[in-house]
C-alpha cells in the first residue's frame, strides 16, 4: 500500500526516470543520419514550422504572464 508520506518520493523518482528515458530517446534520434535530400528538406520544414509555433506560443505566454 502506498503511504501518503511516500508520494513525493514516488513523484520525484518517476520524474527522474521520465527525464532519463527522454534523454536516451533524444540521443538515439539525433544519431540517425539523413542521407535522402527529400527527407532532409521535409525535416527542415518541420523544424522551421515547430519553431514558428513555439515562438508564437511564447509570445502569447509572455503577454498572459505580464497581465496576470
N, C-alpha and C. Protein backbone atom coordinates (compact mmCIF):
# COMPACT_ATOMS: atom_id res chain seq x y z
N UNK A 1 0.84 -1.18 0.00
CA UNK A 1 0.00 0.00 0.00
C UNK A 1 0.89 1.24 0.00
N UNK A 2 0.48 2.24 -0.74
CA UNK A 2 1.27 3.47 -0.84
C UNK A 2 0.94 4.37 0.34
N UNK A 3 1.97 4.73 1.06
CA UNK A 3 1.81 5.66 2.18
C UNK A 3 1.78 7.08 1.64
N UNK A 4 1.04 7.94 2.27
CA UNK A 4 0.94 9.33 1.84
C UNK A 4 2.29 10.04 1.96
N UNK A 5 3.14 9.59 2.87
CA UNK A 5 4.46 10.21 3.05
C UNK A 5 5.38 9.89 1.87
N UNK A 6 5.11 8.82 1.14
CA UNK A 6 5.97 8.41 0.03
C UNK A 6 5.57 9.00 -1.31
N UNK A 7 4.51 9.77 -1.35
CA UNK A 7 4.02 10.31 -2.62
C UNK A 7 5.07 11.20 -3.27
N UNK A 8 5.74 12.04 -2.50
CA UNK A 8 6.75 12.94 -3.07
C UNK A 8 7.92 12.16 -3.64
N UNK A 9 8.35 11.13 -2.93
CA UNK A 9 9.47 10.32 -3.43
C UNK A 9 9.08 9.58 -4.70
N UNK A 10 7.86 9.07 -4.74
CA UNK A 10 7.38 8.37 -5.94
C UNK A 10 7.31 9.34 -7.12
N UNK A 11 6.80 10.52 -6.88
CA UNK A 11 6.72 11.53 -7.94
C UNK A 11 8.09 11.94 -8.44
N UNK A 12 9.01 12.17 -7.53
CA UNK A 12 10.37 12.56 -7.92
C UNK A 12 11.06 11.43 -8.67
N UNK A 13 10.90 10.21 -8.20
CA UNK A 13 11.51 9.06 -8.87
C UNK A 13 10.95 8.87 -10.27
N UNK A 14 9.64 9.01 -10.41
CA UNK A 14 9.01 8.89 -11.72
C UNK A 14 9.49 9.98 -12.66
N UNK A 15 9.63 11.19 -12.15
CA UNK A 15 10.12 12.30 -12.98
C UNK A 15 11.54 12.04 -13.45
N UNK A 16 12.39 11.54 -12.57
CA UNK A 16 13.78 11.26 -12.94
C UNK A 16 13.84 10.16 -14.00
N UNK A 17 13.05 9.11 -13.82
CA UNK A 17 13.01 8.03 -14.82
C UNK A 17 12.52 8.58 -16.16
N UNK A 18 11.50 9.42 -16.14
CA UNK A 18 10.98 10.01 -17.37
C UNK A 18 12.01 10.87 -18.08
N UNK A 19 12.75 11.68 -17.32
CA UNK A 19 13.80 12.50 -17.91
C UNK A 19 14.92 11.65 -18.49
N UNK A 20 15.26 10.57 -17.81
CA UNK A 20 16.29 9.66 -18.30
C UNK A 20 15.86 9.02 -19.63
N UNK A 21 14.63 8.57 -19.70
CA UNK A 21 14.11 7.98 -20.94
C UNK A 21 14.10 9.01 -22.06
N UNK A 22 13.67 10.24 -21.75
CA UNK A 22 13.65 11.30 -22.76
C UNK A 22 15.05 11.59 -23.27
N UNK A 23 16.04 11.62 -22.38
CA UNK A 23 17.43 11.86 -22.77
C UNK A 23 17.95 10.75 -23.68
N UNK A 24 17.65 9.51 -23.33
CA UNK A 24 18.09 8.36 -24.13
C UNK A 24 17.45 8.41 -25.53
N UNK A 25 16.16 8.67 -25.59
CA UNK A 25 15.48 8.75 -26.89
C UNK A 25 15.99 9.92 -27.72
N UNK A 26 16.25 11.05 -27.08
CA UNK A 26 16.79 12.23 -27.78
C UNK A 26 18.12 11.90 -28.42
N UNK A 27 19.00 11.26 -27.67
CA UNK A 27 20.31 10.89 -28.22
C UNK A 27 20.19 9.87 -29.34
N UNK A 28 19.29 8.91 -29.18
CA UNK A 28 19.10 7.88 -30.20
C UNK A 28 18.59 8.50 -31.51
N UNK A 29 17.66 9.42 -31.41
CA UNK A 29 17.10 10.06 -32.60
C UNK A 29 18.14 10.96 -33.27
N UNK A 30 18.93 11.68 -32.48
CA UNK A 30 19.93 12.58 -33.06
C UNK A 30 21.08 11.85 -33.74
N UNK A 31 21.28 10.57 -33.46
CA UNK A 31 22.34 9.80 -34.10
C UNK A 31 21.94 9.29 -35.48
N UNK A 32 20.68 9.41 -35.84
CA UNK A 32 20.21 8.93 -37.13
C UNK A 32 20.72 9.86 -38.23
N UNK A 33 21.38 9.27 -39.23
CA UNK A 33 21.88 10.03 -40.37
C UNK A 33 20.79 10.11 -41.44
N UNK A 34 20.57 11.30 -41.97
CA UNK A 34 19.59 11.50 -43.04
C UNK A 34 20.36 11.65 -44.34
N UNK A 35 20.26 10.63 -45.21
CA UNK A 35 21.00 10.65 -46.46
C UNK A 35 20.13 11.06 -47.65
N UNK A 36 18.84 10.98 -47.51
CA UNK A 36 17.91 11.33 -48.59
C UNK A 36 17.64 12.83 -48.55
N UNK A 37 17.94 13.58 -49.64
CA UNK A 37 17.74 15.03 -49.61
C UNK A 37 16.27 15.44 -49.46
N UNK A 38 15.35 14.64 -49.96
CA UNK A 38 13.93 14.96 -49.81
C UNK A 38 13.53 14.86 -48.34
N UNK A 39 13.98 13.82 -47.68
CA UNK A 39 13.68 13.64 -46.26
C UNK A 39 14.33 14.76 -45.45
N UNK A 40 15.56 15.15 -45.82
CA UNK A 40 16.25 16.23 -45.12
C UNK A 40 15.49 17.54 -45.27
N UNK A 41 14.94 17.80 -46.47
CA UNK A 41 14.17 19.01 -46.70
C UNK A 41 12.88 19.01 -45.88
N UNK A 42 12.19 17.88 -45.86
CA UNK A 42 10.96 17.78 -45.06
C UNK A 42 11.27 17.96 -43.59
N UNK A 43 12.37 17.38 -43.13
CA UNK A 43 12.78 17.52 -41.74
C UNK A 43 13.02 18.98 -41.39
N UNK A 44 13.70 19.71 -42.29
CA UNK A 44 13.98 21.12 -42.06
C UNK A 44 12.69 21.94 -42.03
N UNK A 45 11.75 21.63 -42.92
CA UNK A 45 10.48 22.34 -42.94
C UNK A 45 9.69 22.10 -41.66
N UNK A 46 9.69 20.87 -41.17
CA UNK A 46 9.00 20.56 -39.92
C UNK A 46 9.64 21.32 -38.76
N UNK A 47 10.97 21.35 -38.74
CA UNK A 47 11.67 22.06 -37.67
C UNK A 47 11.35 23.55 -37.71
N UNK A 48 11.35 24.14 -38.90
CA UNK A 48 11.02 25.57 -39.02
C UNK A 48 9.59 25.84 -38.56
N UNK A 49 8.65 24.98 -38.94
CA UNK A 49 7.26 25.15 -38.51
C UNK A 49 7.10 25.02 -37.01
N UNK A 50 7.81 24.06 -36.42
CA UNK A 50 7.73 23.87 -34.97
C UNK A 50 8.29 25.08 -34.23
N UNK A 51 9.38 25.63 -34.74
CA UNK A 51 9.97 26.81 -34.08
C UNK A 51 9.05 28.02 -34.22
N UNK A 52 8.40 28.18 -35.37
CA UNK A 52 7.44 29.28 -35.55
C UNK A 52 6.28 29.13 -34.57
N UNK A 53 5.79 27.91 -34.41
CA UNK A 53 4.71 27.65 -33.46
C UNK A 53 5.14 27.99 -32.03
N UNK A 54 6.34 27.52 -31.65
CA UNK A 54 6.81 27.78 -30.29
C UNK A 54 7.01 29.27 -30.04
N UNK A 55 7.54 30.00 -31.03
CA UNK A 55 7.71 31.44 -30.86
C UNK A 55 6.37 32.14 -30.67
N UNK A 56 5.35 31.73 -31.42
CA UNK A 56 4.02 32.31 -31.25
C UNK A 56 3.46 31.98 -29.87
N UNK A 57 3.64 30.75 -29.43
CA UNK A 57 3.17 30.35 -28.11
C UNK A 57 3.87 31.14 -27.01
N UNK A 58 5.18 31.32 -27.14
CA UNK A 58 5.93 32.08 -26.14
C UNK A 58 5.47 33.53 -26.10
N UNK A 59 5.13 34.09 -27.25
CA UNK A 59 4.64 35.46 -27.30
C UNK A 59 3.33 35.58 -26.52
N UNK A 60 2.40 34.65 -26.78
CA UNK A 60 1.12 34.67 -26.05
C UNK A 60 1.33 34.42 -24.57
N UNK A 61 2.23 33.52 -24.24
CA UNK A 61 2.50 33.22 -22.83
C UNK A 61 3.09 34.43 -22.13
N UNK A 62 3.98 35.16 -22.79
CA UNK A 62 4.59 36.35 -22.19
C UNK A 62 3.54 37.41 -21.92
N UNK A 63 2.61 37.59 -22.86
CA UNK A 63 1.53 38.56 -22.66
C UNK A 63 0.65 38.13 -21.50
N UNK A 64 0.31 36.86 -21.43
CA UNK A 64 -0.52 36.34 -20.34
C UNK A 64 0.15 36.55 -18.99
N UNK A 65 1.44 36.24 -18.92
CA UNK A 65 2.18 36.40 -17.66
C UNK A 65 2.26 37.86 -17.26
N UNK A 66 2.46 38.75 -18.23
CA UNK A 66 2.54 40.18 -17.93
C UNK A 66 1.21 40.69 -17.39
N UNK A 67 0.09 40.19 -17.92
CA UNK A 67 -1.22 40.64 -17.47
C UNK A 67 -1.54 40.08 -16.09
N UNK A 68 -1.23 38.82 -15.89
CA UNK A 68 -1.55 38.18 -14.61
C UNK A 68 -0.54 38.62 -13.60
